[in-house]
Amino acid sequence: MVSRTASFWEALDAGDRAALRRAGVRMVLEADRQFLTQGEDSDHLIVLVGGWVKVVAQSHAGYRALLALRGPGELLGEQASVERGRRRSASLVTATPAEVLNLPAGRFHVLARSRPQIAAALERTLSQRLREADVQRAGITEPVPARLAGLLLDLVERCGLPDADGTGRRIGLSLSQDDLAGLALTSRRTVSRVLEQWRARGWIVTGRQTVTVRAVDQLKRLAHGG
């Protein structure tokens, strides 16, 4: 798991946030809304002020994979800040109702040049994305149960909610087994088999696109090679 630092939005002071709000367009989106499309050549950035967003990619064969989940305060489409003229490599789809700030790249760059905290927050975001990619590449050599355990623990930490009887933590996003497979870099069939084993042991409870973790310690041991 990648250690969590302050989000892009959290790293800014009130003046920086106000300047970005004036430069951008606020949008309130319902869940399951695609608002940036893979292959388009737009050059705006997105600040996810509230809610959760899925980063998804479609292969030429038609396979749709969930690449990442982004939460409140994160900067999205950040490559538009460094690679102009490049087509989008993935789509953005709201996982929950969300509030976003749409920022044209030109206006964003003007503010980043005049406001050091915005430039520093952008640099940290780009650096964190590189670290995430490095961790993902390194993790592909780990057994699938270890990768899946680490993924569930990460999701519990980021968006976990207490379940009804207080004995576990429910991941507060609707995620299919295909979604989990994409995030863990494995097949849906393998995810289904591992989740079935964990259900039988009482480690997790699953419902329709829901997962509740009831055995954090056991998953930690698996995630760390136990």
Protein backbone atom coordinates (compact mmCIF):
# COMPACT_ATOMS: atom_id res chain seq x y z
CA MET A 1 0.00 0.00 0.00
CA VAL A 2 1.15 3.54 -0.75
CA SER A 3 1.33 5.75 2.33
CA ARG A 4 -1.22 8.55 2.27
CA THR A 5 -0.20 12.19 2.31
CA ALA A 6 -2.27 15.36 2.28
CA SER A 7 -4.36 15.60 -0.88
CA PHE A 8 -3.82 18.35 -3.43
CA TRP A 9 -6.74 20.38 -2.05
CA GLU A 10 -5.73 19.84 1.59
CA ALA A 11 -2.22 21.14 0.87
CA LEU A 12 -3.55 24.55 -0.19
CA ASP A 13 -4.47 27.51 1.99
CA ALA A 14 -7.79 29.37 1.79
CA GLY A 15 -6.39 31.96 -0.64
CA ASP A 16 -5.11 29.32 -3.08
CA ARG A 17 -8.43 27.49 -2.99
CA ALA A 18 -10.37 30.68 -3.61
CA ALA A 19 -8.12 31.53 -6.57
CA LEU A 20 -8.70 28.10 -8.11
CA ARG A 21 -12.45 28.37 -7.59
CA ARG A 22 -12.46 31.71 -9.43
CA ALA A 23 -10.43 30.23 -12.29
CA GLY A 24 -12.51 27.07 -12.68
CA VAL A 25 -16.08 25.90 -13.13
CA ARG A 26 -17.80 24.06 -10.29
CA MET A 27 -19.82 20.99 -11.28
CA VAL A 28 -22.03 18.76 -9.13
CA LEU A 29 -22.33 15.28 -10.65
CA GLU A 30 -24.53 12.31 -9.87
CA ALA A 31 -23.07 8.84 -9.37
CA ASP A 32 -22.08 6.76 -12.41
CA ARG A 33 -21.48 9.82 -14.61
CA GLN A 34 -18.61 9.79 -17.08
CA PHE A 35 -17.16 13.28 -17.30
CA LEU A 36 -13.80 12.76 -18.98
CA THR A 37 -13.38 10.32 -21.85
CA GLN A 38 -10.41 8.19 -22.85
CA GLY A 39 -8.99 9.33 -26.19
CA GLU A 40 -10.23 12.92 -26.05
CA ASP A 41 -7.73 15.76 -26.47
CA SER A 42 -9.01 18.15 -23.80
CA ASP A 43 -6.41 19.92 -21.66
CA HIS A 44 -8.27 20.75 -18.44
CA LEU A 45 -7.53 19.48 -14.94
CA ILE A 46 -10.06 18.39 -12.33
CA VAL A 47 -10.02 18.94 -8.59
CA LEU A 48 -12.25 16.40 -6.86
CA VAL A 49 -13.61 18.59 -4.07
CA GLY A 50 -15.93 15.90 -2.73
CA GLY A 51 -16.95 12.33 -3.58
CA TRP A 52 -15.18 9.42 -5.27
CA VAL A 53 -14.19 8.83 -8.88
CA LYS A 54 -13.15 5.73 -10.83
CA VAL A 55 -10.28 5.91 -13.32
CA VAL A 56 -11.14 3.38 -16.03
CA ALA A 57 -9.52 2.32 -19.30
CA GLN A 58 -10.96 0.48 -22.28
CA SER A 59 -8.78 -1.86 -24.31
CA HIS A 60 -9.01 -2.26 -28.09
CA ALA A 61 -10.64 -5.64 -27.44
CA GLY A 62 -13.40 -3.94 -25.46
CA TYR A 63 -12.25 -4.95 -21.97
CA ARG A 64 -12.92 -2.25 -19.35
CA ALA A 65 -10.57 -2.14 -16.37
CA LEU A 66 -10.67 -0.07 -13.22
CA LEU A 67 -7.19 1.41 -12.82
CA ALA A 68 -7.57 3.53 -9.69
CA LEU A 69 -9.96 5.14 -7.25
CA ARG A 70 -9.60 8.83 -6.42
CA GLY A 71 -11.10 10.43 -3.33
CA PRO A 72 -11.89 13.87 -1.92
CA GLY A 73 -9.27 16.53 -2.49
CA GLU A 74 -7.34 14.75 -5.24
CA LEU A 75 -6.21 16.28 -8.52
CA LEU A 76 -7.32 14.40 -11.65
CA GLY A 77 -6.15 14.62 -15.25
CA GLU A 78 -2.88 15.99 -13.91
CA GLN A 79 -0.94 14.93 -17.01
CA ALA A 80 -2.60 17.85 -18.80
CA SER A 81 -0.29 20.02 -16.71
CA VAL A 82 2.86 18.53 -18.24
CA GLU A 83 1.88 16.93 -21.57
CA ARG A 84 -0.20 19.20 -23.74
CA GLY A 85 -1.63 17.78 -26.93
CA ARG A 86 -1.69 14.20 -25.62
CA ARG A 87 -4.97 12.33 -25.72
CA ARG A 88 -6.49 11.15 -22.46
CA SER A 89 -5.27 7.70 -21.46
CA ALA A 90 -8.33 6.86 -19.32
CA SER A 91 -11.88 7.93 -18.54
CA LEU A 92 -13.22 9.35 -15.28
CA VAL A 93 -16.52 8.06 -13.91
CA THR A 94 -18.11 9.14 -10.65
CA ALA A 95 -18.38 6.30 -8.13
CA THR A 96 -20.55 8.46 -5.83
CA PRO A 97 -22.21 11.85 -6.16
CA ALA A 98 -19.32 14.28 -6.52
CA GLU A 99 -18.39 17.93 -6.60
CA VAL A 100 -15.59 18.77 -9.03
CA LEU A 101 -13.76 21.89 -10.12
CA ASN A 102 -12.96 22.01 -13.84
CA LEU A 103 -9.77 24.03 -14.46
CA PRO A 104 -8.48 24.96 -17.95
CA ALA A 105 -4.80 24.08 -18.08
CA GLY A 106 -3.77 27.59 -19.15
CA ARG A 107 -5.43 29.24 -16.18
CA PHE A 108 -4.06 26.61 -13.84
CA HIS A 109 -0.49 27.23 -15.04
CA VAL A 110 -0.83 30.98 -14.52
CA LEU A 111 -1.89 30.38 -10.92
CA ALA A 112 0.81 27.76 -10.33
CA ARG A 113 3.50 30.23 -11.46
CA SER A 114 2.24 32.95 -9.13
CA ARG A 115 1.27 30.80 -6.13
CA PRO A 116 4.07 28.52 -4.86
CA GLN A 117 1.76 26.29 -2.79
CA ILE A 118 -0.24 25.33 -5.88
CA ALA A 119 2.96 24.48 -7.77
CA ALA A 120 4.26 22.46 -4.81
CA ALA A 121 0.96 20.56 -4.44
CA LEU A 122 1.02 19.72 -8.16
CA GLU A 123 4.61 18.47 -7.89
CA ARG A 124 3.68 16.24 -4.93
CA THR A 125 0.72 14.84 -6.88
CA LEU A 126 2.88 13.96 -9.88
CA SER A 127 5.49 12.39 -7.60
CA GLN A 128 2.85 10.36 -5.78
CA ARG A 129 1.45 9.03 -9.05
CA LEU A 130 4.94 7.82 -9.99
CA ARG A 131 5.33 6.12 -6.61
CA GLU A 132 1.95 4.43 -7.03
CA ALA A 133 3.01 3.11 -10.43
CA ASP A 134 6.29 1.81 -8.99
CA VAL A 135 4.50 0.05 -6.12
CA GLN A 136 2.01 -1.48 -8.54
CA ARG A 137 4.76 -2.79 -10.80
CA ALA A 138 6.66 -4.23 -7.85
CA GLY A 139 3.51 -5.78 -6.41
CA ILE A 140 2.68 -7.77 -9.55
CA THR A 141 5.21 -10.38 -8.43
CA GLU A 142 3.30 -10.97 -5.17
CA PRO A 143 0.71 -13.80 -4.93
CA VAL A 144 -2.83 -12.69 -5.77
CA PRO A 145 -4.15 -13.25 -2.19
CA ALA A 146 -1.46 -10.89 -0.87
CA ARG A 147 -2.30 -8.25 -3.49
CA LEU A 148 -6.03 -8.56 -2.86
CA ALA A 149 -5.59 -8.42 0.91
CA GLY A 150 -3.50 -5.27 0.57
CA LEU A 151 -6.11 -3.74 -1.72
CA LEU A 152 -9.00 -4.41 0.68
CA LEU A 153 -7.01 -3.01 3.61
CA ASP A 154 -6.21 0.10 1.59
CA LEU A 155 -9.87 0.59 0.71
CA VAL A 156 -10.94 0.07 4.32
CA GLU A 157 -8.44 2.71 5.40
CA ARG A 158 -9.51 5.21 2.75
CA CYS A 159 -13.27 4.79 2.69
CA GLY A 160 -14.23 2.20 5.31
CA LEU A 161 -17.47 2.52 7.28
CA PRO A 162 -18.53 0.60 10.40
CA ASP A 163 -20.97 -2.17 9.53
CA ALA A 164 -24.35 -2.49 11.23
CA ASP A 165 -23.25 -4.74 14.11
CA GLY A 166 -19.88 -3.07 14.64
CA THR A 167 -17.83 -6.21 13.99
CA GLY A 168 -16.20 -5.11 10.78
CA ARG A 169 -15.54 -2.31 8.32
CA ARG A 170 -17.55 -2.01 5.12
CA ILE A 171 -15.89 -0.53 2.04
CA GLY A 172 -18.04 2.50 1.33
CA LEU A 173 -18.04 2.19 -2.47
CA SER A 174 -19.89 -0.10 -4.85
CA LEU A 175 -17.23 -2.29 -6.42
CA SER A 176 -17.77 -5.32 -8.61
CA GLN A 177 -15.44 -8.30 -8.75
CA ASP A 178 -14.31 -6.99 -12.13
CA ASP A 179 -13.38 -3.72 -10.41
CA LEU A 180 -11.39 -5.54 -7.74
CA ALA A 181 -9.68 -7.62 -10.41
CA GLY A 182 -8.60 -4.49 -12.27
CA LEU A 183 -7.22 -2.86 -9.14
CA ALA A 184 -5.39 -6.05 -8.11
CA LEU A 185 -4.10 -6.74 -11.63
CA THR A 186 -5.59 -10.20 -11.89
CA SER A 187 -8.61 -11.99 -13.35
CA ARG A 188 -12.18 -11.86 -12.11
CA ARG A 189 -12.15 -15.66 -11.79
CA THR A 190 -9.17 -15.54 -9.43
CA VAL A 191 -10.72 -12.76 -7.33
CA SER A 192 -13.96 -14.73 -7.06
CA ARG A 193 -12.09 -17.84 -5.88
CA VAL A 194 -10.08 -15.98 -3.23
CA LEU A 195 -13.12 -14.08 -1.93
CA GLU A 196 -15.03 -17.35 -1.67
CA GLN A 197 -12.25 -18.83 0.49
CA TRP A 198 -12.22 -15.77 2.74
CA ARG A 199 -16.00 -15.82 3.09
CA ALA A 200 -15.84 -19.44 4.20
CA ARG A 201 -13.30 -18.52 6.89
CA GLY A 202 -15.44 -15.60 8.09
CA TRP A 203 -12.83 -13.02 7.15
CA ILE A 204 -15.14 -11.04 4.88
CA VAL A 205 -18.83 -10.67 4.09
CA THR A 206 -19.89 -9.80 0.55
CA GLY A 207 -23.11 -8.53 -0.95
CA ARG A 208 -24.06 -7.01 -4.27
CA GLN A 209 -20.93 -4.98 -5.08
CA THR A 210 -20.12 -4.64 -1.37
CA VAL A 211 -17.34 -6.03 0.83
CA THR A 212 -17.12 -5.92 4.63
CA VAL A 213 -13.79 -6.86 6.23
CA ARG A 214 -14.11 -8.67 9.58
CA ALA A 215 -10.58 -10.03 9.96
CA VAL A 216 -8.16 -7.15 9.51
CA ASP A 217 -5.29 -8.92 11.29
CA GLN A 218 -5.52 -11.99 9.08
CA LEU A 219 -5.53 -9.85 5.93
CA LYS A 220 -2.55 -7.88 7.23
CA ARG A 221 -0.60 -11.08 7.68
CA LEU A 222 -1.45 -12.15 4.14
CA ALA A 223 -0.57 -8.74 2.71
CA HIS A 224 2.84 -8.91 4.37
CA GLY A 225 3.62 -12.43 3.23
CA GLY A 226 2.31 -14.37 6.22
